[in-house]
Amino acid sequence: MLDERLSGALAKLRRADGRQVEWAVSTGLVPYPDAVAAMEARAADIVEGRANERIWLLEHPPLYTAGVSAKSDDLLTPERFPVFESGRGGQFTYHGPGQRVAYVMLDLRARGRDVRAFVQGLEAWLIGALARFNVEGGVREGRVGVWVDRMGAGWSREDKIAAIGVRVRRWISFHGVALNVEPDLSHFDGIVPCGIREHGVTSLVDLGLPVTMDEADAALRAAFEDVFGPAQTVAGGP
């Protein structure tokens, strides 16, 4: 659960009408262009009142995406995996099997019209999900995403365990977050993740936690409802 102060600060992110968010989970690997097209269509329908808000959980085949702030020098091995331009915020990131991507299509007109609070809500969501596995995640000044501290005999470092990259158009959000459950961490070597060279990446399994994707999904859903309000299960898809 969120602490009382943070819960109060993010209270505006919960819909006053109590309407539930659709919660969909896709099986298999979803091609990135298909996901983007589906998000674009859903966001347009939400604007016009033709569709409900939705959280869409999926996995992608191995690929790199470039956010609007991406620098070409941060793509180290462009031939390794397909590279897609993305309209989300941020720089280069990796998506692939074992990473839970959650696309977030929410109507911020009903959630306070505050993009900064929305991003803080996404951070709180991921931190809350990690806490369910007794992992202390946190945010860092000047660095997007959620991080964990790691220590060993004579060493310590900070590794990124979850990424955040969103876009808001006409007060509707899309793109979203990515939690590393059990991806192949060597696949991140082809980029400078989010433009940050001084730190590494990790995952729940890399931290020694044998977490399944179903268990990660359950934690994500419970933590989401703490921050954004109730969700209802619908068939997988956009």
C-alpha atoms as a PDB file:
ATOM      1  CA  MET A   1       0.000   0.000   0.000  1.00  0.00           C
ATOM      2  CA  LEU A   2       1.056   3.608  -0.555  1.00  0.00           C
ATOM      3  CA  ASP A   3       2.078   5.654   2.452  1.00  0.00           C
ATOM      4  CA  GLU A   4      -0.503   8.209   3.554  1.00  0.00           C
ATOM      5  CA  ARG A   5       1.321  11.285   2.263  1.00  0.00           C
ATOM      6  CA  LEU A   6       1.950   9.891  -1.221  1.00  0.00           C
ATOM      7  CA  SER A   7      -1.562   8.486  -1.392  1.00  0.00           C
ATOM      8  CA  GLY A   8      -2.972  11.927  -0.654  1.00  0.00           C
ATOM      9  CA  ALA A   9      -0.770  13.616  -3.257  1.00  0.00           C
ATOM     10  CA  LEU A  10      -1.889  11.176  -5.949  1.00  0.00           C
ATOM     11  CA  ALA A  11      -5.558  11.137  -4.988  1.00  0.00           C
ATOM     12  CA  LYS A  12      -6.432  13.157  -8.097  1.00  0.00           C
ATOM     13  CA  LEU A  13      -5.394  10.214 -10.278  1.00  0.00           C
ATOM     14  CA  ARG A  14      -8.385   8.165  -9.156  1.00  0.00           C
ATOM     15  CA  ARG A  15     -11.593   8.756 -11.088  1.00  0.00           C
ATOM     16  CA  ALA A  16     -14.265  10.476  -9.034  1.00  0.00           C
ATOM     17  CA  ASP A  17     -16.958   8.423 -10.775  1.00  0.00           C
ATOM     18  CA  GLY A  18     -15.335   5.121  -9.727  1.00  0.00           C
ATOM     19  CA  ARG A  19     -15.428   3.765 -13.267  1.00  0.00           C
ATOM     20  CA  GLN A  20     -13.223   0.697 -13.648  1.00  0.00           C
ATOM     21  CA  VAL A  21     -10.296   0.478 -16.027  1.00  0.00           C
ATOM     22  CA  GLU A  22     -10.225  -2.444 -18.434  1.00  0.00           C
ATOM     23  CA  TRP A  23      -7.353  -4.833 -17.695  1.00  0.00           C
ATOM     24  CA  ALA A  24      -6.223  -6.956 -20.642  1.00  0.00           C
ATOM     25  CA  VAL A  25      -3.376  -9.460 -20.924  1.00  0.00           C
ATOM     26  CA  SER A  26      -2.149 -10.772 -24.275  1.00  0.00           C
ATOM     27  CA  THR A  27      -0.408 -14.119 -24.659  1.00  0.00           C
ATOM     28  CA  GLY A  28       2.385 -14.695 -27.135  1.00  0.00           C
ATOM     29  CA  LEU A  29       4.679 -12.016 -28.533  1.00  0.00           C
ATOM     30  CA  VAL A  30       2.948  -8.949 -29.969  1.00  0.00           C
ATOM     31  CA  PRO A  31       4.715  -7.165 -32.877  1.00  0.00           C
ATOM     32  CA  TYR A  32       5.580  -3.597 -31.922  1.00  0.00           C
ATOM     33  CA  PRO A  33       3.910  -1.889 -34.940  1.00  0.00           C
ATOM     34  CA  ASP A  34       0.673  -3.762 -34.212  1.00  0.00           C
ATOM     35  CA  ALA A  35       0.756  -2.601 -30.597  1.00  0.00           C
ATOM     36  CA  VAL A  36       1.339   1.027 -31.547  1.00  0.00           C
ATOM     37  CA  ALA A  37      -1.491   0.989 -34.095  1.00  0.00           C
ATOM     38  CA  ALA A  38      -3.833  -0.552 -31.522  1.00  0.00           C
ATOM     39  CA  MET A  39      -2.886   2.040 -28.885  1.00  0.00           C
ATOM     40  CA  GLU A  40      -3.391   4.898 -31.309  1.00  0.00           C
ATOM     41  CA  ALA A  41      -6.857   3.605 -32.187  1.00  0.00           C
ATOM     42  CA  ARG A  42      -7.833   3.073 -28.545  1.00  0.00           C
ATOM     43  CA  ALA A  43      -6.615   6.544 -27.532  1.00  0.00           C
ATOM     44  CA  ALA A  44      -8.649   8.133 -30.335  1.00  0.00           C
ATOM     45  CA  ASP A  45     -11.723   6.195 -29.259  1.00  0.00           C
ATOM     46  CA  ILE A  46     -11.277   7.245 -25.618  1.00  0.00           C
ATOM     47  CA  VAL A  47     -11.117  10.909 -26.666  1.00  0.00           C
ATOM     48  CA  GLU A  48     -14.422  10.568 -28.487  1.00  0.00           C
ATOM     49  CA  GLY A  49     -16.084   8.548 -25.732  1.00  0.00           C
ATOM     50  CA  ARG A  50     -16.307   5.388 -27.830  1.00  0.00           C
ATOM     51  CA  ALA A  51     -14.077   3.215 -25.633  1.00  0.00           C
ATOM     52  CA  ASN A  52     -13.091   2.732 -22.008  1.00  0.00           C
ATOM     53  CA  GLU A  53      -9.682   3.240 -20.453  1.00  0.00           C
ATOM     54  CA  ARG A  54      -7.448   0.200 -20.698  1.00  0.00           C
ATOM     55  CA  ILE A  55      -4.246  -1.271 -19.315  1.00  0.00           C
ATOM     56  CA  TRP A  56      -2.768  -3.717 -21.802  1.00  0.00           C
ATOM     57  CA  LEU A  57      -0.109  -6.192 -20.628  1.00  0.00           C
ATOM     58  CA  LEU A  58       2.016  -7.974 -23.206  1.00  0.00           C
ATOM     59  CA  GLU A  59       5.459  -9.109 -24.299  1.00  0.00           C
ATOM     60  CA  HIS A  60       7.266  -8.084 -27.486  1.00  0.00           C
ATOM     61  CA  PRO A  61       9.801  -9.985 -29.582  1.00  0.00           C
ATOM     62  CA  PRO A  62      13.339  -8.601 -29.101  1.00  0.00           C
ATOM     63  CA  LEU A  63      13.548  -5.022 -30.374  1.00  0.00           C
ATOM     64  CA  TYR A  64      14.813  -1.548 -29.615  1.00  0.00           C
ATOM     65  CA  THR A  65      12.699   1.602 -29.578  1.00  0.00           C
ATOM     66  CA  ALA A  66      13.839   5.196 -29.843  1.00  0.00           C
ATOM     67  CA  GLY A  67      11.951   7.822 -27.882  1.00  0.00           C
ATOM     68  CA  VAL A  68      11.730  11.450 -28.893  1.00  0.00           C
ATOM     69  CA  SER A  69      14.995  12.299 -27.060  1.00  0.00           C
ATOM     70  CA  ALA A  70      17.021   9.373 -28.425  1.00  0.00           C
ATOM     71  CA  LYS A  71      20.606  10.046 -29.544  1.00  0.00           C
ATOM     72  CA  SER A  72      21.979   8.053 -32.454  1.00  0.00           C
ATOM     73  CA  ASP A  73      25.252   7.340 -30.615  1.00  0.00           C
ATOM     74  CA  ASP A  74      23.297   5.429 -27.972  1.00  0.00           C
ATOM     75  CA  LEU A  75      22.347   2.742 -30.491  1.00  0.00           C
ATOM     76  CA  LEU A  76      25.483   0.608 -30.250  1.00  0.00           C
ATOM     77  CA  THR A  77      24.551  -2.385 -32.448  1.00  0.00           C
ATOM     78  CA  PRO A  78      21.793  -1.281 -34.850  1.00  0.00           C
ATOM     79  CA  GLU A  79      21.933  -4.575 -36.745  1.00  0.00           C
ATOM     80  CA  ARG A  80      21.196  -6.699 -33.676  1.00  0.00           C
ATOM     81  CA  PHE A  81      17.411  -6.299 -33.417  1.00  0.00           C
ATOM     82  CA  PRO A  82      14.747  -4.281 -35.252  1.00  0.00           C
ATOM     83  CA  VAL A  83      14.745  -0.602 -34.280  1.00  0.00           C
ATOM     84  CA  PHE A  84      11.502   1.396 -34.153  1.00  0.00           C
ATOM     85  CA  GLU A  85      10.961   5.120 -33.853  1.00  0.00           C
ATOM     86  CA  SER A  86       8.548   5.831 -31.026  1.00  0.00           C
ATOM     87  CA  GLY A  87       6.513   8.888 -30.126  1.00  0.00           C
ATOM     88  CA  ARG A  88       6.939   8.263 -26.408  1.00  0.00           C
ATOM     89  CA  GLY A  89       9.148  10.303 -24.151  1.00  0.00           C
ATOM     90  CA  GLY A  90      12.671   9.192 -23.336  1.00  0.00           C
ATOM     91  CA  GLN A  91      15.564   7.699 -25.278  1.00  0.00           C
ATOM     92  CA  PHE A  92      16.479   4.164 -26.373  1.00  0.00           C
ATOM     93  CA  THR A  93      15.042   1.148 -24.614  1.00  0.00           C
ATOM     94  CA  TYR A  94      14.831  -2.580 -25.164  1.00  0.00           C
ATOM     95  CA  HIS A  95      11.729  -4.764 -25.192  1.00  0.00           C
ATOM     96  CA  GLY A  96      11.689  -8.534 -25.376  1.00  0.00           C
ATOM     97  CA  PRO A  97      10.483 -11.825 -23.917  1.00  0.00           C
ATOM     98  CA  GLY A  98      10.548 -11.948 -20.140  1.00  0.00           C
ATOM     99  CA  GLN A  99       9.831  -8.252 -19.838  1.00  0.00           C
ATOM    100  CA  ARG A 100       6.300  -7.254 -18.910  1.00  0.00           C
ATOM    101  CA  VAL A 101       5.211  -4.247 -20.924  1.00  0.00           C
ATOM    102  CA  ALA A 102       2.109  -2.464 -19.673  1.00  0.00           C
ATOM    103  CA  TYR A 103       0.559   0.010 -22.090  1.00  0.00           C
ATOM    104  CA  VAL A 104      -1.416   2.634 -20.247  1.00  0.00           C
ATOM    105  CA  MET A 105      -4.396   4.212 -21.990  1.00  0.00           C
ATOM    106  CA  LEU A 106      -5.975   6.475 -19.395  1.00  0.00           C
ATOM    107  CA  ASP A 107      -8.177   9.555 -19.680  1.00  0.00           C
ATOM    108  CA  LEU A 108      -6.375  12.267 -17.740  1.00  0.00           C
ATOM    109  CA  ARG A 109      -9.360  14.586 -18.209  1.00  0.00           C
ATOM    110  CA  ALA A 110     -10.982  12.469 -15.487  1.00  0.00           C
ATOM    111  CA  ARG A 111      -7.742  12.122 -13.497  1.00  0.00           C
ATOM    112  CA  GLY A 112      -6.689  15.650 -12.624  1.00  0.00           C
ATOM    113  CA  ARG A 113      -5.164  16.862 -15.931  1.00  0.00           C
ATOM    114  CA  ASP A 114      -1.715  16.799 -14.315  1.00  0.00           C
ATOM    115  CA  VAL A 115       1.002  15.062 -16.358  1.00  0.00           C
ATOM    116  CA  ARG A 116       3.597  15.357 -13.604  1.00  0.00           C
ATOM    117  CA  ALA A 117       1.286  13.688 -11.092  1.00  0.00           C
ATOM    118  CA  PHE A 118       0.513  11.025 -13.686  1.00  0.00           C
ATOM    119  CA  VAL A 119       4.194  10.145 -14.104  1.00  0.00           C
ATOM    120  CA  GLN A 120       4.585  10.091 -10.320  1.00  0.00           C
ATOM    121  CA  GLY A 121       1.642   7.717 -10.246  1.00  0.00           C
ATOM    122  CA  LEU A 122       3.354   5.400 -12.716  1.00  0.00           C
ATOM    123  CA  GLU A 123       6.465   5.436 -10.530  1.00  0.00           C
ATOM    124  CA  ALA A 124       4.402   4.701  -7.419  1.00  0.00           C
ATOM    125  CA  TRP A 125       2.663   1.855  -9.272  1.00  0.00           C
ATOM    126  CA  LEU A 126       5.937   0.146 -10.163  1.00  0.00           C
ATOM    127  CA  ILE A 127       7.446   0.729  -6.723  1.00  0.00           C
ATOM    128  CA  GLY A 128       4.333  -0.767  -5.146  1.00  0.00           C
ATOM    129  CA  ALA A 129       4.506  -3.820  -7.387  1.00  0.00           C
ATOM    130  CA  LEU A 130       8.160  -4.415  -6.502  1.00  0.00           C
ATOM    131  CA  ALA A 131       7.386  -4.049  -2.803  1.00  0.00           C
ATOM    132  CA  ARG A 132       5.145  -7.105  -3.049  1.00  0.00           C
ATOM    133  CA  PHE A 133       8.326  -9.106  -3.661  1.00  0.00           C
ATOM    134  CA  ASN A 134      10.183  -7.282  -0.867  1.00  0.00           C
ATOM    135  CA  VAL A 135      12.200  -5.323  -3.442  1.00  0.00           C
ATOM    136  CA  GLU A 136      12.818  -1.696  -2.540  1.00  0.00           C
ATOM    137  CA  GLY A 137      12.539   0.266  -5.750  1.00  0.00           C
ATOM    138  CA  GLY A 138      12.936   4.011  -5.977  1.00  0.00           C
ATOM    139  CA  VAL A 139      13.298   6.968  -8.299  1.00  0.00           C
ATOM    140  CA  ARG A 140      16.463   8.987  -8.829  1.00  0.00           C
ATOM    141  CA  GLU A 141      16.815  12.689  -9.554  1.00  0.00           C
ATOM    142  CA  GLY A 142      17.506  13.216 -13.240  1.00  0.00           C
ATOM    143  CA  ARG A 143      16.973   9.556 -14.157  1.00  0.00           C
ATOM    144  CA  VAL A 144      13.692   8.216 -15.493  1.00  0.00           C
ATOM    145  CA  GLY A 145      12.379   4.860 -14.346  1.00  0.00           C
ATOM    146  CA  VAL A 146      12.612   2.782 -11.184  1.00  0.00           C
ATOM    147  CA  TRP A 147      15.925   1.734  -9.674  1.00  0.00           C
ATOM    148  CA  VAL A 148      17.257  -0.674  -7.048  1.00  0.00           C
ATOM    149  CA  ASP A 149      20.417  -0.499  -4.938  1.00  0.00           C
ATOM    150  CA  ARG A 150      22.707  -3.508  -5.132  1.00  0.00           C
ATOM    151  CA  MET A 151      25.627  -4.340  -2.846  1.00  0.00           C
ATOM    152  CA  GLY A 152      28.213  -7.037  -2.620  1.00  0.00           C
ATOM    153  CA  ALA A 153      31.622  -7.616  -1.065  1.00  0.00           C
ATOM    154  CA  GLY A 154      33.399  -4.344  -1.710  1.00  0.00           C
ATOM    155  CA  TRP A 155      31.006  -3.019  -4.339  1.00  0.00           C
ATOM    156  CA  SER A 156      27.696  -1.257  -4.701  1.00  0.00           C
ATOM    157  CA  ARG A 157      25.732   0.060  -7.638  1.00  0.00           C
ATOM    158  CA  GLU A 158      22.297   1.145  -8.818  1.00  0.00           C
ATOM    159  CA  ASP A 159      20.515  -0.856 -11.506  1.00  0.00           C
ATOM    160  CA  LYS A 160      17.374  -0.029 -13.417  1.00  0.00           C
ATOM    161  CA  ILE A 161      14.586  -2.575 -13.070  1.00  0.00           C
ATOM    162  CA  ALA A 162      11.676  -0.772 -14.760  1.00  0.00           C
ATOM    163  CA  ALA A 163      11.342   1.805 -17.515  1.00  0.00           C
ATOM    164  CA  ILE A 164       8.735   4.518 -18.050  1.00  0.00           C
ATOM    165  CA  GLY A 165       8.013   6.116 -21.414  1.00  0.00           C
ATOM    166  CA  VAL A 166       4.658   7.731 -22.061  1.00  0.00           C
ATOM    167  CA  ARG A 167       2.945  10.106 -24.413  1.00  0.00           C
ATOM    168  CA  VAL A 168      -0.123  12.219 -23.733  1.00  0.00           C
ATOM    169  CA  ARG A 169      -2.292  13.506 -26.566  1.00  0.00           C
ATOM    170  CA  ARG A 170      -5.495  15.434 -25.935  1.00  0.00           C
ATOM    171  CA  TRP A 171      -5.177  14.323 -22.285  1.00  0.00           C
ATOM    172  CA  ILE A 172      -5.186  10.621 -23.220  1.00  0.00           C
ATOM    173  CA  SER A 173      -2.075   8.628 -22.304  1.00  0.00           C
ATOM    174  CA  PHE A 174      -0.495   5.824 -24.261  1.00  0.00           C
ATOM    175  CA  HIS A 175       2.753   3.860 -24.328  1.00  0.00           C
ATOM    176  CA  GLY A 176       3.571   3.069 -20.683  1.00  0.00           C
ATOM    177  CA  VAL A 177       5.949   1.067 -18.486  1.00  0.00           C
ATOM    178  CA  ALA A 178       8.143  -2.025 -18.719  1.00  0.00           C
ATOM    179  CA  LEU A 179       9.101  -4.230 -15.773  1.00  0.00           C
ATOM    180  CA  ASN A 180      12.048  -6.599 -16.120  1.00  0.00           C
ATOM    181  CA  VAL A 181      10.834  -9.950 -14.845  1.00  0.00           C
ATOM    182  CA  GLU A 182      13.211 -12.369 -16.606  1.00  0.00           C
ATOM    183  CA  PRO A 183      14.480 -10.878 -19.877  1.00  0.00           C
ATOM    184  CA  ASP A 184      17.860 -11.705 -21.395  1.00  0.00           C
ATOM    185  CA  LEU A 185      19.800  -8.826 -19.861  1.00  0.00           C
ATOM    186  CA  SER A 186      22.577  -9.159 -22.451  1.00  0.00           C
ATOM    187  CA  HIS A 187      20.115  -7.773 -25.000  1.00  0.00           C
ATOM    188  CA  PHE A 188      20.421  -4.378 -23.329  1.00  0.00           C
ATOM    189  CA  ASP A 189      24.074  -4.298 -24.409  1.00  0.00           C
ATOM    190  CA  GLY A 190      23.098  -3.089 -27.871  1.00  0.00           C
ATOM    191  CA  ILE A 191      21.982   0.306 -26.558  1.00  0.00           C
ATOM    192  CA  VAL A 192      22.750   2.815 -23.858  1.00  0.00           C
ATOM    193  CA  PRO A 193      19.459   2.332 -21.984  1.00  0.00           C
ATOM    194  CA  CYS A 194      17.723   5.685 -21.602  1.00  0.00           C
ATOM    195  CA  GLY A 195      21.035   7.404 -22.371  1.00  0.00           C
ATOM    196  CA  ILE A 196      22.558   6.432 -19.007  1.00  0.00           C
ATOM    197  CA  ARG A 197      26.023   4.904 -19.278  1.00  0.00           C
ATOM    198  CA  GLU A 198      27.004   4.865 -15.604  1.00  0.00           C
ATOM    199  CA  HIS A 199      24.478   2.296 -14.406  1.00  0.00           C
ATOM    200  CA  GLY A 200      23.229  -1.152 -15.336  1.00  0.00           C
ATOM    201  CA  VAL A 201      19.959  -3.014 -15.637  1.00  0.00           C
ATOM    202  CA  THR A 202      18.538  -5.864 -13.612  1.00  0.00           C
ATOM    203  CA  SER A 203      15.415  -7.984 -13.275  1.00  0.00           C
ATOM    204  CA  LEU A 204      13.462  -9.733 -10.568  1.00  0.00           C
ATOM    205  CA  VAL A 205      15.051 -13.066 -11.463  1.00  0.00           C
ATOM    206  CA  ASP A 206      18.508 -11.470 -11.656  1.00  0.00           C
ATOM    207  CA  LEU A 207      17.927 -10.308  -8.074  1.00  0.00           C
ATOM    208  CA  GLY A 208      17.456 -13.946  -7.073  1.00  0.00           C
ATOM    209  CA  LEU A 209      13.661 -13.947  -7.061  1.00  0.00           C
ATOM    210  CA  PRO A 210      12.066 -16.782  -9.083  1.00  0.00           C
ATOM    211  CA  VAL A 211       9.050 -14.670 -10.047  1.00  0.00           C
ATOM    212  CA  THR A 212       6.781 -15.905 -12.833  1.00  0.00           C
ATOM    213  CA  MET A 213       5.055 -13.568 -15.268  1.00  0.00           C
ATOM    214  CA  ASP A 214       1.685 -14.446 -13.722  1.00  0.00           C
ATOM    215  CA  GLU A 215       2.993 -13.468 -10.298  1.00  0.00           C
ATOM    216  CA  ALA A 216       4.364 -10.214 -11.683  1.00  0.00           C
ATOM    217  CA  ASP A 217       1.006  -9.497 -13.311  1.00  0.00           C
ATOM    218  CA  ALA A 218      -0.823 -10.037 -10.023  1.00  0.00           C
ATOM    219  CA  ALA A 219       1.536  -7.640  -8.249  1.00  0.00           C
ATOM    220  CA  LEU A 220       1.158  -5.057 -10.999  1.00  0.00           C
ATOM    221  CA  ARG A 221      -2.604  -5.220 -10.846  1.00  0.00           C
ATOM    222  CA  ALA A 222      -2.797  -4.886  -7.060  1.00  0.00           C
ATOM    223  CA  ALA A 223      -0.368  -1.961  -7.054  1.00  0.00           C
ATOM    224  CA  PHE A 224      -2.176  -0.304  -9.978  1.00  0.00           C
ATOM    225  CA  GLU A 225      -5.463  -0.377  -8.105  1.00  0.00           C
ATOM    226  CA  ASP A 226      -3.772   1.203  -5.073  1.00  0.00           C
ATOM    227  CA  VAL A 227      -2.804   4.203  -7.202  1.00  0.00           C
ATOM    228  CA  PHE A 228      -5.332   4.535 -10.012  1.00  0.00           C
ATOM    229  CA  GLY A 229      -8.423   2.725  -8.766  1.00  0.00           C
ATOM    230  CA  PRO A 230     -10.326  -0.448  -9.639  1.00  0.00           C
ATOM    231  CA  ALA A 231      -9.821  -2.526 -12.776  1.00  0.00           C
ATOM    232  CA  GLN A 232     -11.898  -5.208 -14.442  1.00  0.00           C
ATOM    233  CA  THR A 233     -10.551  -8.120 -16.485  1.00  0.00           C
ATOM    234  CA  VAL A 234     -11.369  -8.154 -20.204  1.00  0.00           C
ATOM    235  CA  ALA A 235     -10.214 -10.326 -23.080  1.00  0.00           C
ATOM    236  CA  GLY A 236      -6.595  -9.819 -24.085  1.00  0.00           C
ATOM    237  CA  GLY A 237      -5.840  -7.241 -26.758  1.00  0.00           C
ATOM    238  CA  PRO A 238      -5.829  -3.491 -27.239  1.00  0.00           C
END
